[in-house]
PDB file of N, CA and C in Angstrom:
ATOM      1  N   MET A   1       6.138  14.942   6.589  1.00  0.00           N
ATOM      2  CA  MET A   1       5.760  16.110   7.363  1.00  0.00           C
ATOM      3  C   MET A   1       4.909  15.663   8.555  1.00  0.00           C
ATOM      4  N   LYS A   2       5.138  16.292   9.660  1.00  0.00           N
ATOM      5  CA  LYS A   2       4.429  15.963  10.885  1.00  0.00           C
ATOM      6  C   LYS A   2       2.969  16.430  10.806  1.00  0.00           C
ATOM      7  N   ILE A   3       2.070  15.623  11.342  1.00  0.00           N
ATOM      8  CA  ILE A   3       0.653  15.977  11.370  1.00  0.00           C
ATOM      9  C   ILE A   3       0.419  16.964  12.514  1.00  0.00           C
ATOM     10  N   LEU A   4      -0.275  18.045  12.204  1.00  0.00           N
ATOM     11  CA  LEU A   4      -0.575  19.055  13.219  1.00  0.00           C
ATOM     12  C   LEU A   4      -1.414  18.459  14.347  1.00  0.00           C
ATOM     13  N   ASN A   5      -1.170  18.918  15.562  1.00  0.00           N
ATOM     14  CA  ASN A   5      -1.979  18.473  16.701  1.00  0.00           C
ATOM     15  C   ASN A   5      -3.442  18.830  16.514  1.00  0.00           C
ATOM     16  N   SER A   6      -3.715  19.977  15.892  1.00  0.00           N
ATOM     17  CA  SER A   6      -5.103  20.375  15.669  1.00  0.00           C
ATOM     18  C   SER A   6      -5.808  19.435  14.695  1.00  0.00           C
ATOM     19  N   ILE A   7      -5.064  18.800  13.811  1.00  0.00           N
ATOM     20  CA  ILE A   7      -5.657  17.802  12.920  1.00  0.00           C
ATOM     21  C   ILE A   7      -5.855  16.497  13.673  1.00  0.00           C
ATOM     22  N   LYS A   8      -4.908  16.143  14.507  1.00  0.00           N
ATOM     23  CA  LYS A   8      -5.045  14.926  15.305  1.00  0.00           C
ATOM     24  C   LYS A   8      -6.297  14.966  16.175  1.00  0.00           C
ATOM     25  N   ARG A   9      -6.654  16.153  16.641  1.00  0.00           N
ATOM     26  CA  ARG A   9      -7.864  16.288  17.465  1.00  0.00           C
ATOM     27  C   ARG A   9      -9.128  15.958  16.688  1.00  0.00           C
ATOM     28  N   LEU A  10      -9.082  16.081  15.379  1.00  0.00           N
ATOM     29  CA  LEU A  10     -10.242  15.744  14.554  1.00  0.00           C
ATOM     30  C   LEU A  10     -10.506  14.241  14.537  1.00  0.00           C
ATOM     31  N   PHE A  11      -9.526  13.475  14.963  1.00  0.00           N
ATOM     32  CA  PHE A  11      -9.636  12.016  14.987  1.00  0.00           C
ATOM     33  C   PHE A  11      -9.861  11.535  16.412  1.00  0.00           C
ATOM     34  N   TRP A  12     -10.979  11.950  16.970  1.00  0.00           N
ATOM     35  CA  TRP A  12     -11.325  11.603  18.344  1.00  0.00           C
ATOM     36  C   TRP A  12     -11.509  10.102  18.531  1.00  0.00           C
ATOM     37  N   ASP A  13     -11.770   9.389  17.449  1.00  0.00           N
ATOM     38  CA  ASP A  13     -12.039   7.951  17.521  1.00  0.00           C
ATOM     39  C   ASP A  13     -10.835   7.092  17.132  1.00  0.00           C
ATOM     40  N   VAL A  14      -9.699   7.708  16.915  1.00  0.00           N
ATOM     41  CA  VAL A  14      -8.495   6.999  16.468  1.00  0.00           C
ATOM     42  C   VAL A  14      -7.363   7.294  17.441  1.00  0.00           C
ATOM     43  N   LYS A  15      -6.543   6.301  17.702  1.00  0.00           N
ATOM     44  CA  LYS A  15      -5.369   6.500  18.546  1.00  0.00           C
ATOM     45  C   LYS A  15      -4.438   7.491  17.831  1.00  0.00           C
ATOM     46  N   LYS A  16      -4.135   8.583  18.483  1.00  0.00           N
ATOM     47  CA  LYS A  16      -3.401   9.694  17.856  1.00  0.00           C
ATOM     48  C   LYS A  16      -2.068   9.287  17.230  1.00  0.00           C
ATOM     49  N   ASN A  17      -1.342   8.396  17.883  1.00  0.00           N
ATOM     50  CA  ASN A  17      -0.031   7.998  17.364  1.00  0.00           C
ATOM     51  C   ASN A  17      -0.120   7.053  16.175  1.00  0.00           C
ATOM     52  N   SER A  18      -1.318   6.554  15.882  1.00  0.00           N
ATOM     53  CA  SER A  18      -1.451   5.622  14.773  1.00  0.00           C
ATOM     54  C   SER A  18      -1.716   6.324  13.444  1.00  0.00           C
ATOM     55  N   LEU A  19      -1.925   7.643  13.463  1.00  0.00           N
ATOM     56  CA  LEU A  19      -2.164   8.378  12.221  1.00  0.00           C
ATOM     57  C   LEU A  19      -0.877   8.506  11.427  1.00  0.00           C
ATOM     58  N   ASP A  20      -0.986   8.253  10.137  1.00  0.00           N
ATOM     59  CA  ASP A  20       0.140   8.383   9.228  1.00  0.00           C
ATOM     60  C   ASP A  20      -0.326   9.229   8.045  1.00  0.00           C
ATOM     61  N   ALA A  21       0.429  10.257   7.705  1.00  0.00           N
ATOM     62  CA  ALA A  21       0.027  11.207   6.668  1.00  0.00           C
ATOM     63  C   ALA A  21      -0.215  10.546   5.313  1.00  0.00           C
ATOM     64  N   GLU A  22       0.495   9.493   4.990  1.00  0.00           N
ATOM     65  CA  GLU A  22       0.295   8.822   3.703  1.00  0.00           C
ATOM     66  C   GLU A  22      -0.709   7.679   3.798  1.00  0.00           C
ATOM     67  N   LYS A  23      -0.580   6.843   4.804  1.00  0.00           N
ATOM     68  CA  LYS A  23      -1.503   5.706   4.941  1.00  0.00           C
ATOM     69  C   LYS A  23      -2.936   6.161   5.175  1.00  0.00           C
ATOM     70  N   ASN A  24      -3.114   7.248   5.889  1.00  0.00           N
ATOM     71  CA  ASN A  24      -4.441   7.755   6.223  1.00  0.00           C
ATOM     72  C   ASN A  24      -4.798   9.005   5.429  1.00  0.00           C
ATOM     73  N   ARG A  25      -4.233   9.120   4.257  1.00  0.00           N
ATOM     74  CA  ARG A  25      -4.385  10.299   3.405  1.00  0.00           C
ATOM     75  C   ARG A  25      -5.854  10.679   3.183  1.00  0.00           C
ATOM     76  N   LYS A  26      -6.662   9.732   2.721  1.00  0.00           N
ATOM     77  CA  LYS A  26      -8.067  10.017   2.417  1.00  0.00           C
ATOM     78  C   LYS A  26      -8.799  10.496   3.670  1.00  0.00           C
ATOM     79  N   GLU A  27      -8.632   9.785   4.764  1.00  0.00           N
ATOM     80  CA  GLU A  27      -9.331  10.142   5.993  1.00  0.00           C
ATOM     81  C   GLU A  27      -8.908  11.519   6.498  1.00  0.00           C
ATOM     82  N   ILE A  28      -7.623  11.814   6.386  1.00  0.00           N
ATOM     83  CA  ILE A  28      -7.120  13.117   6.833  1.00  0.00           C
ATOM     84  C   ILE A  28      -7.695  14.233   5.967  1.00  0.00           C
ATOM     85  N   ILE A  29      -7.724  14.038   4.670  1.00  0.00           N
ATOM     86  CA  ILE A  29      -8.282  15.058   3.775  1.00  0.00           C
ATOM     87  C   ILE A  29      -9.754  15.278   4.083  1.00  0.00           C
ATOM     88  N   VAL A  30     -10.515  14.205   4.210  1.00  0.00           N
ATOM     89  CA  VAL A  30     -11.954  14.327   4.447  1.00  0.00           C
ATOM     90  C   VAL A  30     -12.249  15.037   5.764  1.00  0.00           C
ATOM     91  N   ARG A  31     -11.648  14.578   6.846  1.00  0.00           N
ATOM     92  CA  ARG A  31     -11.958  15.189   8.150  1.00  0.00           C
ATOM     93  C   ARG A  31     -11.446  16.615   8.250  1.00  0.00           C
ATOM     94  N   THR A  32     -10.325  16.886   7.629  1.00  0.00           N
ATOM     95  CA  THR A  32      -9.784  18.242   7.693  1.00  0.00           C
ATOM     96  C   THR A  32     -10.663  19.202   6.909  1.00  0.00           C
ATOM     97  N   ILE A  33     -11.124  18.783   5.760  1.00  0.00           N
ATOM     98  CA  ILE A  33     -12.027  19.644   4.987  1.00  0.00           C
ATOM     99  C   ILE A  33     -13.365  19.798   5.709  1.00  0.00           C
ATOM    100  N   ASN A  34     -13.879  18.731   6.275  1.00  0.00           N
ATOM    101  CA  ASN A  34     -15.166  18.787   6.968  1.00  0.00           C
ATOM    102  C   ASN A  34     -15.126  19.612   8.254  1.00  0.00           C
ATOM    103  N   TYR A  35     -14.062  19.469   9.035  1.00  0.00           N
ATOM    104  CA  TYR A  35     -14.059  20.031  10.381  1.00  0.00           C
ATOM    105  C   TYR A  35     -12.878  20.955  10.701  1.00  0.00           C
ATOM    106  N   GLY A  36     -11.910  21.041   9.805  1.00  0.00           N
ATOM    107  CA  GLY A  36     -10.735  21.859  10.071  1.00  0.00           C
ATOM    108  C   GLY A  36     -10.958  23.325   9.750  1.00  0.00           C
ATOM    109  N   GLY A  37     -10.024  24.127  10.193  1.00  0.00           N
ATOM    110  CA  GLY A  37     -10.053  25.558   9.917  1.00  0.00           C
ATOM    111  C   GLY A  37      -9.011  25.919   8.870  1.00  0.00           C
ATOM    112  N   LEU A  38      -8.810  27.191   8.698  1.00  0.00           N
ATOM    113  CA  LEU A  38      -7.874  27.690   7.687  1.00  0.00           C
ATOM    114  C   LEU A  38      -6.459  27.169   7.915  1.00  0.00           C
ATOM    115  N   ARG A  39      -6.023  27.147   9.167  1.00  0.00           N
ATOM    116  CA  ARG A  39      -4.669  26.647   9.467  1.00  0.00           C
ATOM    117  C   ARG A  39      -4.511  25.203   8.998  1.00  0.00           C
ATOM    118  N   GLU A  40      -5.504  24.370   9.248  1.00  0.00           N
ATOM    119  CA  GLU A  40      -5.435  22.957   8.859  1.00  0.00           C
ATOM    120  C   GLU A  40      -5.514  22.798   7.341  1.00  0.00           C
ATOM    121  N   TRP A  41      -6.314  23.634   6.700  1.00  0.00           N
ATOM    122  CA  TRP A  41      -6.403  23.572   5.239  1.00  0.00           C
ATOM    123  C   TRP A  41      -5.060  23.959   4.605  1.00  0.00           C
ATOM    124  N   ARG A  42      -4.383  24.945   5.191  1.00  0.00           N
ATOM    125  CA  ARG A  42      -3.053  25.319   4.687  1.00  0.00           C
ATOM    126  C   ARG A  42      -2.078  24.142   4.819  1.00  0.00           C
ATOM    127  N   TRP A  43      -2.182  23.431   5.933  1.00  0.00           N
ATOM    128  CA  TRP A  43      -1.330  22.255   6.125  1.00  0.00           C
ATOM    129  C   TRP A  43      -1.616  21.216   5.048  1.00  0.00           C
ATOM    130  N   LEU A  44      -2.890  21.021   4.713  1.00  0.00           N
ATOM    131  CA  LEU A  44      -3.249  20.074   3.645  1.00  0.00           C
ATOM    132  C   LEU A  44      -2.538  20.421   2.344  1.00  0.00           C
ATOM    133  N   ILE A  45      -2.538  21.698   2.000  1.00  0.00           N
ATOM    134  CA  ILE A  45      -1.893  22.138   0.753  1.00  0.00           C
ATOM    135  C   ILE A  45      -0.399  21.844   0.797  1.00  0.00           C
ATOM    136  N   LYS A  46       0.250  22.144   1.937  1.00  0.00           N
ATOM    137  CA  LYS A  46       1.680  21.862   2.057  1.00  0.00           C
ATOM    138  C   LYS A  46       1.964  20.366   1.995  1.00  0.00           C
ATOM    139  N   GLN A  47       1.102  19.576   2.615  1.00  0.00           N
ATOM    140  CA  GLN A  47       1.326  18.138   2.697  1.00  0.00           C
ATOM    141  C   GLN A  47       1.048  17.425   1.377  1.00  0.00           C
ATOM    142  N   TYR A  48      -0.089  17.709   0.771  1.00  0.00           N
ATOM    143  CA  TYR A  48      -0.534  16.929  -0.383  1.00  0.00           C
ATOM    144  C   TYR A  48      -0.528  17.684  -1.703  1.00  0.00           C
ATOM    145  N   GLY A  49      -0.484  18.997  -1.648  1.00  0.00           N
ATOM    146  CA  GLY A  49      -0.506  19.800  -2.868  1.00  0.00           C
ATOM    147  C   GLY A  49      -1.925  20.129  -3.298  1.00  0.00           C
ATOM    148  N   LYS A  50      -2.073  21.308  -3.818  1.00  0.00           N
ATOM    149  CA  LYS A  50      -3.389  21.804  -4.222  1.00  0.00           C
ATOM    150  C   LYS A  50      -4.008  20.927  -5.314  1.00  0.00           C
ATOM    151  N   ARG A  51      -3.205  20.518  -6.267  1.00  0.00           N
ATOM    152  CA  ARG A  51      -3.708  19.707  -7.388  1.00  0.00           C
ATOM    153  C   ARG A  51      -4.199  18.341  -6.905  1.00  0.00           C
ATOM    154  N   SER A  52      -3.468  17.738  -6.011  1.00  0.00           N
ATOM    155  CA  SER A  52      -3.852  16.432  -5.477  1.00  0.00           C
ATOM    156  C   SER A  52      -5.185  16.506  -4.737  1.00  0.00           C
ATOM    157  N   ILE A  53      -5.386  17.558  -3.964  1.00  0.00           N
ATOM    158  CA  ILE A  53      -6.635  17.729  -3.228  1.00  0.00           C
ATOM    159  C   ILE A  53      -7.775  18.009  -4.204  1.00  0.00           C
ATOM    160  N   PHE A  54      -7.519  18.827  -5.203  1.00  0.00           N
ATOM    161  CA  PHE A  54      -8.514  19.110  -6.241  1.00  0.00           C
ATOM    162  C   PHE A  54      -8.942  17.814  -6.920  1.00  0.00           C
ATOM    163  N   ASP A  55      -7.980  16.990  -7.282  1.00  0.00           N
ATOM    164  CA  ASP A  55      -8.288  15.707  -7.920  1.00  0.00           C
ATOM    165  C   ASP A  55      -9.115  14.818  -6.989  1.00  0.00           C
ATOM    166  N   PHE A  56      -8.783  14.813  -5.713  1.00  0.00           N
ATOM    167  CA  PHE A  56      -9.540  14.028  -4.741  1.00  0.00           C
ATOM    168  C   PHE A  56     -10.985  14.509  -4.674  1.00  0.00           C
ATOM    169  N   LEU A  57     -11.181  15.823  -4.662  1.00  0.00           N
ATOM    170  CA  LEU A  57     -12.527  16.388  -4.576  1.00  0.00           C
ATOM    171  C   LEU A  57     -13.388  16.002  -5.767  1.00  0.00           C
ATOM    172  N   HIS A  58     -12.769  15.862  -6.909  1.00  0.00           N
ATOM    173  CA  HIS A  58     -13.515  15.545  -8.126  1.00  0.00           C
ATOM    174  C   HIS A  58     -13.445  14.074  -8.500  1.00  0.00           C
ATOM    175  N   GLY A  59     -12.844  13.266  -7.635  1.00  0.00           N
ATOM    176  CA  GLY A  59     -12.711  11.838  -7.894  1.00  0.00           C
ATOM    177  C   GLY A  59     -13.969  11.080  -7.543  1.00  0.00           C
ATOM    178  N   ALA A  60     -13.941  10.429  -6.444  1.00  0.00           N
ATOM    179  CA  ALA A  60     -15.037   9.560  -6.028  1.00  0.00           C
ATOM    180  C   ALA A  60     -16.305  10.360  -5.737  1.00  0.00           C
ATOM    181  N   GLN A  61     -17.431   9.819  -6.134  1.00  0.00           N
ATOM    182  CA  GLN A  61     -18.722  10.446  -5.874  1.00  0.00           C
ATOM    183  C   GLN A  61     -19.006  10.526  -4.381  1.00  0.00           C
ATOM    184  N   ARG A  62     -18.743   9.442  -3.693  1.00  0.00           N
ATOM    185  CA  ARG A  62     -19.006   9.391  -2.258  1.00  0.00           C
ATOM    186  C   ARG A  62     -17.681   9.387  -1.512  1.00  0.00           C
ATOM    187  N   ASN A  63     -17.217  10.563  -1.181  1.00  0.00           N
ATOM    188  CA  ASN A  63     -15.938  10.625  -0.493  1.00  0.00           C
ATOM    189  C   ASN A  63     -16.077  11.063   0.960  1.00  0.00           C
ATOM    190  N   GLY A  64     -17.312  11.160   1.466  1.00  0.00           N
ATOM    191  CA  GLY A  64     -17.520  11.461   2.871  1.00  0.00           C
ATOM    192  C   GLY A  64     -17.505  12.932   3.237  1.00  0.00           C
ATOM    193  N   LEU A  65     -17.431  13.793   2.246  1.00  0.00           N
ATOM    194  CA  LEU A  65     -17.408  15.222   2.529  1.00  0.00           C
ATOM    195  C   LEU A  65     -18.819  15.762   2.702  1.00  0.00           C
ATOM    196  N   ARG A  66     -18.972  16.661   3.673  1.00  0.00           N
ATOM    197  CA  ARG A  66     -20.244  17.360   3.827  1.00  0.00           C
ATOM    198  C   ARG A  66     -20.417  18.280   2.621  1.00  0.00           C
ATOM    199  N   LEU A  67     -21.638  18.422   2.145  1.00  0.00           N
ATOM    200  CA  LEU A  67     -21.906  19.192   0.935  1.00  0.00           C
ATOM    201  C   LEU A  67     -21.374  20.621   1.022  1.00  0.00           C
ATOM    202  N   GLU A  68     -21.621  21.288   2.144  1.00  0.00           N
ATOM    203  CA  GLU A  68     -21.173  22.675   2.294  1.00  0.00           C
ATOM    204  C   GLU A  68     -19.650  22.767   2.298  1.00  0.00           C
ATOM    205  N   ALA A  69     -19.018  21.831   2.986  1.00  0.00           N
ATOM    206  CA  ALA A  69     -17.550  21.826   3.049  1.00  0.00           C
ATOM    207  C   ALA A  69     -16.963  21.530   1.672  1.00  0.00           C
ATOM    208  N   LYS A  70     -17.593  20.615   0.945  1.00  0.00           N
ATOM    209  CA  LYS A  70     -17.094  20.267  -0.394  1.00  0.00           C
ATOM    210  C   LYS A  70     -17.197  21.467  -1.332  1.00  0.00           C
ATOM    211  N   ARG A  71     -18.297  22.190  -1.269  1.00  0.00           N
ATOM    212  CA  ARG A  71     -18.456  23.364  -2.141  1.00  0.00           C
ATOM    213  C   ARG A  71     -17.374  24.413  -1.863  1.00  0.00           C
ATOM    214  N   LEU A  72     -17.135  24.686  -0.591  1.00  0.00           N
ATOM    215  CA  LEU A  72     -16.099  25.655  -0.223  1.00  0.00           C
ATOM    216  C   LEU A  72     -14.724  25.155  -0.659  1.00  0.00           C
ATOM    217  N   ALA A  73     -14.447  23.891  -0.437  1.00  0.00           N
ATOM    218  CA  ALA A  73     -13.156  23.320  -0.817  1.00  0.00           C
ATOM    219  C   ALA A  73     -12.953  23.390  -2.322  1.00  0.00           C
ATOM    220  N   GLU A  74     -13.994  23.143  -3.092  1.00  0.00           N
ATOM    221  CA  GLU A  74     -13.868  23.218  -4.549  1.00  0.00           C
ATOM    222  C   GLU A  74     -13.490  24.627  -4.993  1.00  0.00           C
ATOM    223  N   ILE A  75     -14.022  25.624  -4.316  1.00  0.00           N
ATOM    224  CA  ILE A  75     -13.685  27.017  -4.653  1.00  0.00           C
ATOM    225  C   ILE A  75     -12.220  27.299  -4.287  1.00  0.00           C
ATOM    226  N   ILE A  76     -11.829  26.910  -3.100  1.00  0.00           N
ATOM    227  CA  ILE A  76     -10.484  27.198  -2.627  1.00  0.00           C
ATOM    228  C   ILE A  76      -9.421  26.408  -3.377  1.00  0.00           C
ATOM    229  N   PHE A  77      -9.683  25.146  -3.641  1.00  0.00           N
ATOM    230  CA  PHE A  77      -8.658  24.294  -4.249  1.00  0.00           C
ATOM    231  C   PHE A  77      -8.711  24.261  -5.769  1.00  0.00           C
ATOM    232  N   SER A  78      -9.608  25.034  -6.391  1.00  0.00           N
ATOM    233  CA  SER A  78      -9.654  25.049  -7.851  1.00  0.00           C
ATOM    234  C   SER A  78      -8.735  26.098  -8.425  1.00  0.00           C
TER     235      SER A  78
END
């Protein structure tokens, strides 16, 4: 699935054409949850699945998510 342009904008420090939905999975999930809106979160669900994102949220202790964003994501993806 193609990465949304609005998600690519979240990667101001990365060359836009170098993003890959699978290779950069963790980074895409983290930045989209931290800085994305509802449209981008919907794309995450279509791309990775609700269960996969839920598992990611409850996996690593330090996954780079802002506390407020993580709390909201846990509610939405649970």
